[in-house]
Amino acid sequence: EEAEALSKRNILITGGTVFASRIAAECLRAKGHHAFVPKRGTRPQSQGVTLLKCDRHHLGEALKNYDLDAALDISVYTEAEIADLKNALKEIPLTYIFVSFSAVYIPRNNPSAV
């Protein structure tokens, strides 16, 4: 029982309400982990997943009351979004996992960067 409790993790999941991020949140929750999703609250939340009502660019206050073990960054479109999240998490010792989509976006201001 103690080993099982130790294997349960608190995981922050960006996105969390549609596509791959929603499935990830639901699967982790079904495995007994605690899934936390930072969202503005504009879309329905999956059952059993904790909504952190905030914007991913302003997470500092929303995260201060949670003991997170990992961040699964699925909903990313720009470098600035990654930087904002990593900055919000800089004081929290956790595992950061970035998941890239199958679609690759060419930067509008620098198409030759690809």
C-alpha atoms as a PDB file:
ATOM      1  CA  GLU A   1       0.000   0.000   0.000  1.00  0.00           C
ATOM      2  CA  GLU A   2       2.830   2.422   0.845  1.00  0.00           C
ATOM      3  CA  ALA A   3       4.676   1.576  -2.391  1.00  0.00           C
ATOM      4  CA  GLU A   4       1.474   2.226  -4.353  1.00  0.00           C
ATOM      5  CA  ALA A   5       1.040   5.629  -2.690  1.00  0.00           C
ATOM      6  CA  LEU A   6       4.630   6.534  -3.553  1.00  0.00           C
ATOM      7  CA  SER A   7       4.079   5.717  -7.213  1.00  0.00           C
ATOM      8  CA  LYS A   8       1.164   8.167  -7.532  1.00  0.00           C
ATOM      9  CA  ARG A   9       2.362  11.479  -8.952  1.00  0.00           C
ATOM     10  CA  ASN A  10       1.092  15.048  -9.180  1.00  0.00           C
ATOM     11  CA  ILE A  11       1.426  15.971 -12.836  1.00  0.00           C
ATOM     12  CA  LEU A  12       0.854  19.328 -14.489  1.00  0.00           C
ATOM     13  CA  ILE A  13      -0.432  18.926 -18.057  1.00  0.00           C
ATOM     14  CA  THR A  14      -0.615  21.869 -20.424  1.00  0.00           C
ATOM     15  CA  GLY A  15      -3.648  21.781 -22.650  1.00  0.00           C
ATOM     16  CA  GLY A  16      -5.578  19.009 -20.998  1.00  0.00           C
ATOM     17  CA  THR A  17      -9.011  19.658 -22.508  1.00  0.00           C
ATOM     18  CA  VAL A  18      -8.687  18.647 -26.171  1.00  0.00           C
ATOM     19  CA  PHE A  19      -6.721  16.316 -28.427  1.00  0.00           C
ATOM     20  CA  ALA A  20      -3.634  14.505 -27.079  1.00  0.00           C
ATOM     21  CA  SER A  21      -3.389  16.548 -23.878  1.00  0.00           C
ATOM     22  CA  ARG A  22      -6.940  15.608 -22.826  1.00  0.00           C
ATOM     23  CA  ILE A  23      -6.239  11.926 -23.457  1.00  0.00           C
ATOM     24  CA  ALA A  24      -2.962  12.170 -21.502  1.00  0.00           C
ATOM     25  CA  ALA A  25      -4.733  13.814 -18.552  1.00  0.00           C
ATOM     26  CA  GLU A  26      -7.501  11.207 -18.551  1.00  0.00           C
ATOM     27  CA  CYS A  27      -5.084   8.269 -18.873  1.00  0.00           C
ATOM     28  CA  LEU A  28      -2.862   9.528 -16.063  1.00  0.00           C
ATOM     29  CA  ARG A  29      -5.927  10.071 -13.884  1.00  0.00           C
ATOM     30  CA  ALA A  30      -7.193   6.564 -14.680  1.00  0.00           C
ATOM     31  CA  LYS A  31      -3.809   5.189 -13.503  1.00  0.00           C
ATOM     32  CA  GLY A  32      -4.338   6.951 -10.175  1.00  0.00           C
ATOM     33  CA  HIS A  33      -2.127   9.978 -10.714  1.00  0.00           C
ATOM     34  CA  HIS A  34      -3.321  13.491  -9.922  1.00  0.00           C
ATOM     35  CA  ALA A  35      -3.613  15.522 -13.128  1.00  0.00           C
ATOM     36  CA  PHE A  36      -3.543  19.316 -12.901  1.00  0.00           C
ATOM     37  CA  VAL A  37      -4.485  21.332 -15.978  1.00  0.00           C
ATOM     38  CA  PRO A  38      -3.859  25.085 -16.221  1.00  0.00           C
ATOM     39  CA  LYS A  39      -6.659  26.562 -18.338  1.00  0.00           C
ATOM     40  CA  ARG A  40      -8.667  29.726 -18.571  1.00  0.00           C
ATOM     41  CA  GLY A  41     -11.821  27.617 -18.062  1.00  0.00           C
ATOM     42  CA  THR A  42     -13.266  28.104 -21.535  1.00  0.00           C
ATOM     43  CA  ARG A  43     -13.669  24.377 -22.281  1.00  0.00           C
ATOM     44  CA  PRO A  44     -15.213  21.526 -20.287  1.00  0.00           C
ATOM     45  CA  GLN A  45     -12.822  19.776 -17.899  1.00  0.00           C
ATOM     46  CA  SER A  46     -12.437  15.986 -17.825  1.00  0.00           C
ATOM     47  CA  GLN A  47     -13.852  14.279 -14.752  1.00  0.00           C
ATOM     48  CA  GLY A  48     -11.300  13.766 -11.992  1.00  0.00           C
ATOM     49  CA  VAL A  49      -8.789  16.212 -13.459  1.00  0.00           C
ATOM     50  CA  THR A  50      -8.026  19.300 -11.366  1.00  0.00           C
ATOM     51  CA  LEU A  51      -8.495  22.614 -13.150  1.00  0.00           C
ATOM     52  CA  LEU A  52      -6.030  25.374 -12.276  1.00  0.00           C
ATOM     53  CA  LYS A  53      -7.979  28.362 -13.547  1.00  0.00           C
ATOM     54  CA  CYS A  54      -5.256  30.541 -15.035  1.00  0.00           C
ATOM     55  CA  ASP A  55      -3.358  31.256 -18.228  1.00  0.00           C
ATOM     56  CA  ARG A  56      -0.166  29.289 -18.931  1.00  0.00           C
ATOM     57  CA  HIS A  57       1.687  32.596 -19.263  1.00  0.00           C
ATOM     58  CA  HIS A  58       0.841  33.537 -15.643  1.00  0.00           C
ATOM     59  CA  LEU A  59       1.135  30.338 -13.608  1.00  0.00           C
ATOM     60  CA  GLY A  60       3.136  31.464 -10.580  1.00  0.00           C
ATOM     61  CA  GLU A  61       0.278  32.024  -8.107  1.00  0.00           C
ATOM     62  CA  ALA A  62      -1.742  29.049  -9.382  1.00  0.00           C
ATOM     63  CA  LEU A  63       1.109  26.596  -8.722  1.00  0.00           C
ATOM     64  CA  LYS A  64       2.194  27.719  -5.265  1.00  0.00           C
ATOM     65  CA  ASN A  65      -0.199  25.420  -3.371  1.00  0.00           C
ATOM     66  CA  TYR A  66       0.623  22.229  -5.254  1.00  0.00           C
ATOM     67  CA  ASP A  67       3.462  19.767  -4.767  1.00  0.00           C
ATOM     68  CA  LEU A  68       4.124  18.795  -8.386  1.00  0.00           C
ATOM     69  CA  ASP A  69       6.311  15.879  -9.469  1.00  0.00           C
ATOM     70  CA  ALA A  70       6.272  16.452 -13.224  1.00  0.00           C
ATOM     71  CA  ALA A  71       5.145  18.790 -15.967  1.00  0.00           C
ATOM     72  CA  LEU A  72       3.949  17.355 -19.266  1.00  0.00           C
ATOM     73  CA  ASP A  73       4.077  20.240 -21.752  1.00  0.00           C
ATOM     74  CA  ILE A  74       1.874  19.195 -24.670  1.00  0.00           C
ATOM     75  CA  SER A  75       0.117  22.363 -25.786  1.00  0.00           C
ATOM     76  CA  VAL A  76       2.958  24.531 -27.118  1.00  0.00           C
ATOM     77  CA  TYR A  77       3.124  26.735 -30.178  1.00  0.00           C
ATOM     78  CA  THR A  78       5.979  29.159 -29.463  1.00  0.00           C
ATOM     79  CA  GLU A  79       9.325  29.341 -27.692  1.00  0.00           C
ATOM     80  CA  ALA A  80       7.844  32.030 -25.442  1.00  0.00           C
ATOM     81  CA  GLU A  81       5.237  29.538 -24.169  1.00  0.00           C
ATOM     82  CA  ILE A  82       7.991  27.105 -23.186  1.00  0.00           C
ATOM     83  CA  ALA A  83       9.984  29.899 -21.515  1.00  0.00           C
ATOM     84  CA  ASP A  84       6.948  31.128 -19.548  1.00  0.00           C
ATOM     85  CA  LEU A  85       6.192  27.649 -18.221  1.00  0.00           C
ATOM     86  CA  LYS A  86       9.802  26.857 -17.355  1.00  0.00           C
ATOM     87  CA  ASN A  87      10.073  30.207 -15.568  1.00  0.00           C
ATOM     88  CA  ALA A  88       6.953  29.437 -13.502  1.00  0.00           C
ATOM     89  CA  LEU A  89       8.401  26.026 -12.616  1.00  0.00           C
ATOM     90  CA  LYS A  90      11.988  27.128 -11.906  1.00  0.00           C
ATOM     91  CA  GLU A  91      11.621  26.865  -8.108  1.00  0.00           C
ATOM     92  CA  ILE A  92       9.892  23.479  -8.247  1.00  0.00           C
ATOM     93  CA  PRO A  93      12.106  20.371  -8.428  1.00  0.00           C
ATOM     94  CA  LEU A  94      10.277  18.268 -10.989  1.00  0.00           C
ATOM     95  CA  THR A  95      10.647  16.406 -14.248  1.00  0.00           C
ATOM     96  CA  TYR A  96       9.801  18.535 -17.298  1.00  0.00           C
ATOM     97  CA  ILE A  97       8.653  16.638 -20.403  1.00  0.00           C
ATOM     98  CA  PHE A  98       8.082  18.428 -23.687  1.00  0.00           C
ATOM     99  CA  VAL A  99       5.956  16.598 -26.248  1.00  0.00           C
ATOM    100  CA  SER A 100       6.090  17.751 -29.843  1.00  0.00           C
ATOM    101  CA  PHE A 101       3.144  17.395 -32.175  1.00  0.00           C
ATOM    102  CA  SER A 102       3.384  15.661 -35.526  1.00  0.00           C
ATOM    103  CA  ALA A 103       2.735  19.019 -37.181  1.00  0.00           C
ATOM    104  CA  VAL A 104       5.647  21.422 -37.364  1.00  0.00           C
ATOM    105  CA  TYR A 105       4.982  25.127 -37.608  1.00  0.00           C
ATOM    106  CA  ILE A 106       7.215  27.429 -39.618  1.00  0.00           C
ATOM    107  CA  PRO A 107       7.960  30.610 -37.653  1.00  0.00           C
ATOM    108  CA  ARG A 108       6.108  33.456 -39.346  1.00  0.00           C
ATOM    109  CA  ASN A 109       8.897  35.934 -38.803  1.00  0.00           C
ATOM    110  CA  ASN A 110      11.722  33.595 -39.880  1.00  0.00           C
ATOM    111  CA  PRO A 111      10.694  30.853 -42.350  1.00  0.00           C
ATOM    112  CA  SER A 112      14.336  30.093 -43.130  1.00  0.00           C
ATOM    113  CA  ALA A 113      14.830  28.876 -39.524  1.00  0.00           C
ATOM    114  CA  VAL A 114      13.292  25.506 -40.382  1.00  0.00           C
END
